[in-house]
Amino acid sequence: LSNLLIAIAKLFGFFITKSVSMLSESIHSLADRANQILLFIGLSRSKKLANSKFNLGHGREEFLWAFLVAIILFTMGSLFSLYEGILHIMHPQPLENLTVILVVLLIAILLEGYSFLQALKSKKSGQSLLTYLRKTSDSASAVVLIEDFAALIGLLSSFVFILLAKFVHPIFDGIGATVTGLVLGVLSIVLAIELGNLIK
């Protein structure tokens, strides 16, 4: 619910301001929604009982669907953000309605931060995030943690680059979208590697 509200807020911000950083953030949030549907399907299918064809049950199917999430996060979020970012670096456009952008980003940061804190409850107290991701077999929690972490980094960088685009040069709006794309790409690869290890 938190992420759905974030996606709506970002889309509203994009339509009002035409900021490519806001568009990249919107696509990222919409990709997250698709990912959560796939995770739900994976969790549901993994609970199916064993039968003559699948003697050990369907438990590993959860990891397969989570792996698809990593691919979607890369293709929808990362590649689109990189494309739009490079396009607007080549053809920068001045930003309008800066106040709307900043308010939307602040709301998104608060909601995403809350979602991330809820996801952090899945790991043990004192355990580092990296250690948890390496040791856990809970693919859904791992995916949500990485998605929320990527979203927070993207939102904070968008906030900074949009300010630079307004007060320094419009090219920074495109740079912000490109940074978001790179962050999503790197974290998608990390996620794919971790989930690939779980599938083996």
C-alpha atoms as a PDB file:
ATOM      1  CA  LEU A   1       0.000   0.000   0.000  1.00  0.00           C
ATOM      2  CA  SER A   2       2.873   2.324   0.864  1.00  0.00           C
ATOM      3  CA  ASN A   3       4.559   1.686  -2.473  1.00  0.00           C
ATOM      4  CA  LEU A   4       1.320   2.099  -4.418  1.00  0.00           C
ATOM      5  CA  LEU A   5       0.794   5.539  -2.842  1.00  0.00           C
ATOM      6  CA  ILE A   6       4.388   6.409  -3.736  1.00  0.00           C
ATOM      7  CA  ALA A   7       3.840   5.421  -7.389  1.00  0.00           C
ATOM      8  CA  ILE A   8       0.692   7.572  -7.605  1.00  0.00           C
ATOM      9  CA  ALA A   9       2.470  10.540  -6.003  1.00  0.00           C
ATOM     10  CA  LYS A  10       5.429  10.264  -8.384  1.00  0.00           C
ATOM     11  CA  LEU A  11       3.203  10.016 -11.452  1.00  0.00           C
ATOM     12  CA  PHE A  12       1.320  13.107 -10.287  1.00  0.00           C
ATOM     13  CA  GLY A  13       4.654  14.887  -9.837  1.00  0.00           C
ATOM     14  CA  PHE A  14       5.796  13.909 -13.331  1.00  0.00           C
ATOM     15  CA  PHE A  15       2.603  15.111 -15.048  1.00  0.00           C
ATOM     16  CA  ILE A  16       2.800  18.448 -13.229  1.00  0.00           C
ATOM     17  CA  THR A  17       6.539  19.083 -13.669  1.00  0.00           C
ATOM     18  CA  LYS A  18       7.660  16.984 -16.691  1.00  0.00           C
ATOM     19  CA  SER A  19      10.823  16.077 -14.750  1.00  0.00           C
ATOM     20  CA  VAL A  20      12.580  13.027 -16.213  1.00  0.00           C
ATOM     21  CA  SER A  21      13.891  12.140 -12.749  1.00  0.00           C
ATOM     22  CA  MET A  22      10.309  11.964 -11.541  1.00  0.00           C
ATOM     23  CA  LEU A  23       9.392   9.814 -14.549  1.00  0.00           C
ATOM     24  CA  SER A  24      12.242   7.404 -13.755  1.00  0.00           C
ATOM     25  CA  GLU A  25      11.117   7.205 -10.149  1.00  0.00           C
ATOM     26  CA  SER A  26       7.535   6.559 -11.314  1.00  0.00           C
ATOM     27  CA  ILE A  27       8.628   3.668 -13.553  1.00  0.00           C
ATOM     28  CA  HIS A  28      10.695   2.274 -10.692  1.00  0.00           C
ATOM     29  CA  SER A  29       7.668   2.309  -8.379  1.00  0.00           C
ATOM     30  CA  LEU A  30       5.404   0.721 -11.002  1.00  0.00           C
ATOM     31  CA  ALA A  31       8.027  -1.993 -11.538  1.00  0.00           C
ATOM     32  CA  ASP A  32       7.998  -2.593  -7.775  1.00  0.00           C
ATOM     33  CA  ARG A  33       4.228  -3.134  -7.911  1.00  0.00           C
ATOM     34  CA  ALA A  34       4.634  -5.737 -10.668  1.00  0.00           C
ATOM     35  CA  ASN A  35       7.377  -7.354  -8.608  1.00  0.00           C
ATOM     36  CA  GLN A  36       5.147  -7.668  -5.563  1.00  0.00           C
ATOM     37  CA  ILE A  37       2.484  -9.430  -7.630  1.00  0.00           C
ATOM     38  CA  LEU A  38       5.100 -11.926  -8.857  1.00  0.00           C
ATOM     39  CA  LEU A  39       6.336 -12.470  -5.300  1.00  0.00           C
ATOM     40  CA  PHE A  40       2.781 -13.171  -4.161  1.00  0.00           C
ATOM     41  CA  ILE A  41       2.336 -15.701  -6.987  1.00  0.00           C
ATOM     42  CA  GLY A  42       5.654 -17.347  -6.094  1.00  0.00           C
ATOM     43  CA  LEU A  43       4.798 -17.623  -2.403  1.00  0.00           C
ATOM     44  CA  SER A  44       1.366 -19.071  -3.201  1.00  0.00           C
ATOM     45  CA  ARG A  45       2.699 -21.650  -5.675  1.00  0.00           C
ATOM     46  CA  SER A  46       5.552 -22.700  -3.371  1.00  0.00           C
ATOM     47  CA  LYS A  47       3.003 -23.854  -0.765  1.00  0.00           C
ATOM     48  CA  LYS A  48       1.397 -26.401  -3.106  1.00  0.00           C
ATOM     49  CA  LEU A  49       1.635 -29.946  -1.770  1.00  0.00           C
ATOM     50  CA  ALA A  50       3.891 -32.594  -3.262  1.00  0.00           C
ATOM     51  CA  ASN A  51       2.455 -34.954  -5.860  1.00  0.00           C
ATOM     52  CA  SER A  52       3.634 -37.775  -8.128  1.00  0.00           C
ATOM     53  CA  LYS A  53       5.261 -35.325 -10.530  1.00  0.00           C
ATOM     54  CA  PHE A  54       6.843 -33.099  -7.861  1.00  0.00           C
ATOM     55  CA  ASN A  55       7.853 -35.479  -5.063  1.00  0.00           C
ATOM     56  CA  LEU A  56       9.573 -32.769  -3.030  1.00  0.00           C
ATOM     57  CA  GLY A  57       6.822 -30.189  -3.453  1.00  0.00           C
ATOM     58  CA  HIS A  58       7.039 -26.754  -5.061  1.00  0.00           C
ATOM     59  CA  GLY A  59       9.150 -24.876  -2.478  1.00  0.00           C
ATOM     60  CA  ARG A  60      11.838 -23.735  -4.879  1.00  0.00           C
ATOM     61  CA  GLU A  61       9.302 -22.097  -7.148  1.00  0.00           C
ATOM     62  CA  GLU A  62       9.356 -19.158  -4.733  1.00  0.00           C
ATOM     63  CA  PHE A  63      12.977 -18.493  -5.720  1.00  0.00           C
ATOM     64  CA  LEU A  64      12.212 -18.754  -9.440  1.00  0.00           C
ATOM     65  CA  TRP A  65       9.493 -16.098  -9.269  1.00  0.00           C
ATOM     66  CA  ALA A  66      11.731 -13.881  -7.142  1.00  0.00           C
ATOM     67  CA  PHE A  67      14.446 -14.269  -9.801  1.00  0.00           C
ATOM     68  CA  LEU A  68      11.949 -12.980 -12.378  1.00  0.00           C
ATOM     69  CA  VAL A  69      11.491  -9.948 -10.122  1.00  0.00           C
ATOM     70  CA  ALA A  70      15.194  -9.150 -10.440  1.00  0.00           C
ATOM     71  CA  ILE A  71      14.925  -9.308 -14.236  1.00  0.00           C
ATOM     72  CA  ILE A  72      11.872  -7.016 -14.306  1.00  0.00           C
ATOM     73  CA  LEU A  73      13.553  -4.551 -11.941  1.00  0.00           C
ATOM     74  CA  PHE A  74      16.485  -4.395 -14.346  1.00  0.00           C
ATOM     75  CA  THR A  75      14.585  -4.185 -17.624  1.00  0.00           C
ATOM     76  CA  MET A  76      11.714  -1.905 -16.589  1.00  0.00           C
ATOM     77  CA  GLY A  77      13.461   0.258 -14.017  1.00  0.00           C
ATOM     78  CA  SER A  78      17.119   0.412 -14.919  1.00  0.00           C
ATOM     79  CA  LEU A  79      17.105   0.417 -18.722  1.00  0.00           C
ATOM     80  CA  PHE A  80      14.196   2.876 -18.981  1.00  0.00           C
ATOM     81  CA  SER A  81      15.819   5.283 -16.504  1.00  0.00           C
ATOM     82  CA  LEU A  82      19.152   5.080 -18.336  1.00  0.00           C
ATOM     83  CA  TYR A  83      17.473   5.731 -21.691  1.00  0.00           C
ATOM     84  CA  GLU A  84      15.476   8.733 -20.461  1.00  0.00           C
ATOM     85  CA  GLY A  85      18.431  10.083 -18.484  1.00  0.00           C
ATOM     86  CA  ILE A  86      20.830  10.014 -21.441  1.00  0.00           C
ATOM     87  CA  LEU A  87      18.148  11.508 -23.708  1.00  0.00           C
ATOM     88  CA  HIS A  88      17.661  14.457 -21.348  1.00  0.00           C
ATOM     89  CA  ILE A  89      21.390  14.923 -20.851  1.00  0.00           C
ATOM     90  CA  MET A  90      21.598  15.400 -24.622  1.00  0.00           C
ATOM     91  CA  HIS A  91      18.485  17.616 -24.688  1.00  0.00           C
ATOM     92  CA  PRO A  92      18.004  19.201 -21.226  1.00  0.00           C
ATOM     93  CA  GLN A  93      14.703  20.890 -20.413  1.00  0.00           C
ATOM     94  CA  PRO A  94      14.125  23.472 -17.644  1.00  0.00           C
ATOM     95  CA  LEU A  95      12.086  22.304 -14.658  1.00  0.00           C
ATOM     96  CA  GLU A  96       8.763  23.766 -13.591  1.00  0.00           C
ATOM     97  CA  ASN A  97       6.882  23.659 -10.269  1.00  0.00           C
ATOM     98  CA  LEU A  98       9.909  22.817  -8.125  1.00  0.00           C
ATOM     99  CA  THR A  99       7.798  22.929  -4.959  1.00  0.00           C
ATOM    100  CA  VAL A 100       5.544  20.125  -6.257  1.00  0.00           C
ATOM    101  CA  ILE A 101       8.551  17.937  -7.069  1.00  0.00           C
ATOM    102  CA  LEU A 102      10.161  18.415  -3.668  1.00  0.00           C
ATOM    103  CA  VAL A 103       6.914  17.772  -1.768  1.00  0.00           C
ATOM    104  CA  VAL A 104       6.269  14.575  -3.754  1.00  0.00           C
ATOM    105  CA  LEU A 105       9.840  13.388  -3.174  1.00  0.00           C
ATOM    106  CA  LEU A 106       9.663  14.111   0.561  1.00  0.00           C
ATOM    107  CA  ILE A 107       6.377  12.178   0.856  1.00  0.00           C
ATOM    108  CA  ALA A 108       7.901   9.303  -1.136  1.00  0.00           C
ATOM    109  CA  ILE A 109      11.040   9.294   1.056  1.00  0.00           C
ATOM    110  CA  LEU A 110       8.911   9.102   4.225  1.00  0.00           C
ATOM    111  CA  LEU A 111       6.693   6.302   2.866  1.00  0.00           C
ATOM    112  CA  GLU A 112       9.630   4.349   1.415  1.00  0.00           C
ATOM    113  CA  GLY A 113      11.574   4.803   4.643  1.00  0.00           C
ATOM    114  CA  TYR A 114       8.648   3.362   6.610  1.00  0.00           C
ATOM    115  CA  SER A 115       8.401   0.414   4.208  1.00  0.00           C
ATOM    116  CA  PHE A 116      12.164  -0.193   4.503  1.00  0.00           C
ATOM    117  CA  LEU A 117      12.010  -0.134   8.320  1.00  0.00           C
ATOM    118  CA  GLN A 118       9.198  -2.703   8.243  1.00  0.00           C
ATOM    119  CA  ALA A 119      11.246  -4.919   5.910  1.00  0.00           C
ATOM    120  CA  LEU A 120      14.282  -4.623   8.220  1.00  0.00           C
ATOM    121  CA  LYS A 121      12.308  -6.426  10.938  1.00  0.00           C
ATOM    122  CA  SER A 122      12.870  -9.673   9.010  1.00  0.00           C
ATOM    123  CA  LYS A 123      16.571  -9.697   9.893  1.00  0.00           C
ATOM    124  CA  LYS A 124      18.060 -10.408  13.323  1.00  0.00           C
ATOM    125  CA  SER A 125      19.043  -7.575  15.631  1.00  0.00           C
ATOM    126  CA  GLY A 126      22.692  -6.610  15.113  1.00  0.00           C
ATOM    127  CA  GLN A 127      22.940  -8.538  11.839  1.00  0.00           C
ATOM    128  CA  SER A 128      24.206  -6.489   8.905  1.00  0.00           C
ATOM    129  CA  LEU A 129      22.044  -6.159   5.810  1.00  0.00           C
ATOM    130  CA  LEU A 130      24.688  -7.811   3.619  1.00  0.00           C
ATOM    131  CA  THR A 131      25.053 -10.766   6.023  1.00  0.00           C
ATOM    132  CA  TYR A 132      21.293 -11.237   6.123  1.00  0.00           C
ATOM    133  CA  LEU A 133      21.019 -11.219   2.320  1.00  0.00           C
ATOM    134  CA  ARG A 134      23.779 -13.820   2.031  1.00  0.00           C
ATOM    135  CA  LYS A 135      22.334 -16.188   4.635  1.00  0.00           C
ATOM    136  CA  THR A 136      18.572 -15.870   4.273  1.00  0.00           C
ATOM    137  CA  SER A 137      16.403 -18.303   2.346  1.00  0.00           C
ATOM    138  CA  ASP A 138      13.422 -15.916   2.580  1.00  0.00           C
ATOM    139  CA  SER A 139      13.516 -14.630  -0.973  1.00  0.00           C
ATOM    140  CA  ALA A 140      10.481 -12.343  -0.573  1.00  0.00           C
ATOM    141  CA  SER A 141      12.043 -10.434   2.339  1.00  0.00           C
ATOM    142  CA  ALA A 142      15.370 -10.204   0.502  1.00  0.00           C
ATOM    143  CA  VAL A 143      13.676  -8.775  -2.596  1.00  0.00           C
ATOM    144  CA  VAL A 144      11.676  -6.226  -0.605  1.00  0.00           C
ATOM    145  CA  LEU A 145      14.752  -5.115   1.331  1.00  0.00           C
ATOM    146  CA  ILE A 146      16.800  -4.599  -1.830  1.00  0.00           C
ATOM    147  CA  GLU A 147      13.926  -2.868  -3.640  1.00  0.00           C
ATOM    148  CA  ASP A 148      13.291  -0.482  -0.755  1.00  0.00           C
ATOM    149  CA  PHE A 149      17.013   0.208  -0.336  1.00  0.00           C
ATOM    150  CA  ALA A 150      17.327   0.987  -4.050  1.00  0.00           C
ATOM    151  CA  ALA A 151      14.232   3.179  -3.891  1.00  0.00           C
ATOM    152  CA  LEU A 152      15.598   5.231  -0.988  1.00  0.00           C
ATOM    153  CA  ILE A 153      18.928   5.770  -2.746  1.00  0.00           C
ATOM    154  CA  GLY A 154      17.103   6.746  -5.941  1.00  0.00           C
ATOM    155  CA  LEU A 155      14.781   9.176  -4.129  1.00  0.00           C
ATOM    156  CA  LEU A 156      17.586  10.883  -2.225  1.00  0.00           C
ATOM    157  CA  SER A 157      19.727  11.230  -5.356  1.00  0.00           C
ATOM    158  CA  SER A 158      16.718  12.543  -7.321  1.00  0.00           C
ATOM    159  CA  PHE A 159      16.106  15.143  -4.608  1.00  0.00           C
ATOM    160  CA  VAL A 160      19.706  16.389  -4.869  1.00  0.00           C
ATOM    161  CA  PHE A 161      19.883  16.320  -8.681  1.00  0.00           C
ATOM    162  CA  ILE A 162      16.538  18.101  -9.099  1.00  0.00           C
ATOM    163  CA  LEU A 163      17.792  20.930  -6.876  1.00  0.00           C
ATOM    164  CA  LEU A 164      20.953  21.079  -9.012  1.00  0.00           C
ATOM    165  CA  ALA A 165      18.821  21.057 -12.176  1.00  0.00           C
ATOM    166  CA  LYS A 166      16.806  24.014 -10.932  1.00  0.00           C
ATOM    167  CA  PHE A 167      19.595  26.167  -9.525  1.00  0.00           C
ATOM    168  CA  VAL A 168      22.676  25.112 -11.534  1.00  0.00           C
ATOM    169  CA  HIS A 169      21.731  23.620 -14.928  1.00  0.00           C
ATOM    170  CA  PRO A 170      18.782  21.550 -16.316  1.00  0.00           C
ATOM    171  CA  ILE A 171      21.206  18.830 -17.431  1.00  0.00           C
ATOM    172  CA  PHE A 172      21.299  17.556 -13.834  1.00  0.00           C
ATOM    173  CA  ASP A 173      17.719  16.288 -14.195  1.00  0.00           C
ATOM    174  CA  GLY A 174      18.938  13.829 -16.838  1.00  0.00           C
ATOM    175  CA  ILE A 175      21.987  12.959 -14.732  1.00  0.00           C
ATOM    176  CA  GLY A 176      19.687  12.180 -11.801  1.00  0.00           C
ATOM    177  CA  ALA A 177      17.629   9.770 -13.916  1.00  0.00           C
ATOM    178  CA  THR A 178      20.835   8.112 -15.153  1.00  0.00           C
ATOM    179  CA  VAL A 179      22.093   7.651 -11.576  1.00  0.00           C
ATOM    180  CA  THR A 180      18.742   6.078 -10.639  1.00  0.00           C
ATOM    181  CA  GLY A 181      19.100   3.687 -13.584  1.00  0.00           C
ATOM    182  CA  LEU A 182      22.629   2.706 -12.569  1.00  0.00           C
ATOM    183  CA  VAL A 183      21.616   2.091  -8.947  1.00  0.00           C
ATOM    184  CA  LEU A 184      18.699  -0.099 -10.045  1.00  0.00           C
ATOM    185  CA  GLY A 185      20.934  -1.997 -12.459  1.00  0.00           C
ATOM    186  CA  VAL A 186      23.622  -2.758  -9.857  1.00  0.00           C
ATOM    187  CA  LEU A 187      21.122  -3.817  -7.194  1.00  0.00           C
ATOM    188  CA  SER A 188      19.207  -5.962  -9.706  1.00  0.00           C
ATOM    189  CA  ILE A 189      22.423  -7.827 -10.526  1.00  0.00           C
ATOM    190  CA  VAL A 190      23.147  -8.325  -6.797  1.00  0.00           C
ATOM    191  CA  LEU A 191      19.602  -9.592  -6.302  1.00  0.00           C
ATOM    192  CA  ALA A 192      19.840 -11.944  -9.285  1.00  0.00           C
ATOM    193  CA  ILE A 193      23.122 -13.429  -7.973  1.00  0.00           C
ATOM    194  CA  GLU A 194      21.722 -14.001  -4.467  1.00  0.00           C
ATOM    195  CA  LEU A 195      18.501 -15.552  -5.796  1.00  0.00           C
ATOM    196  CA  GLY A 196      20.453 -17.649  -8.277  1.00  0.00           C
ATOM    197  CA  ASN A 197      22.351 -19.158  -5.340  1.00  0.00           C
ATOM    198  CA  LEU A 198      19.054 -20.040  -3.659  1.00  0.00           C
ATOM    199  CA  ILE A 199      17.739 -21.787  -6.782  1.00  0.00           C
ATOM    200  CA  LYS A 200      20.808 -24.067  -6.999  1.00  0.00           C
END
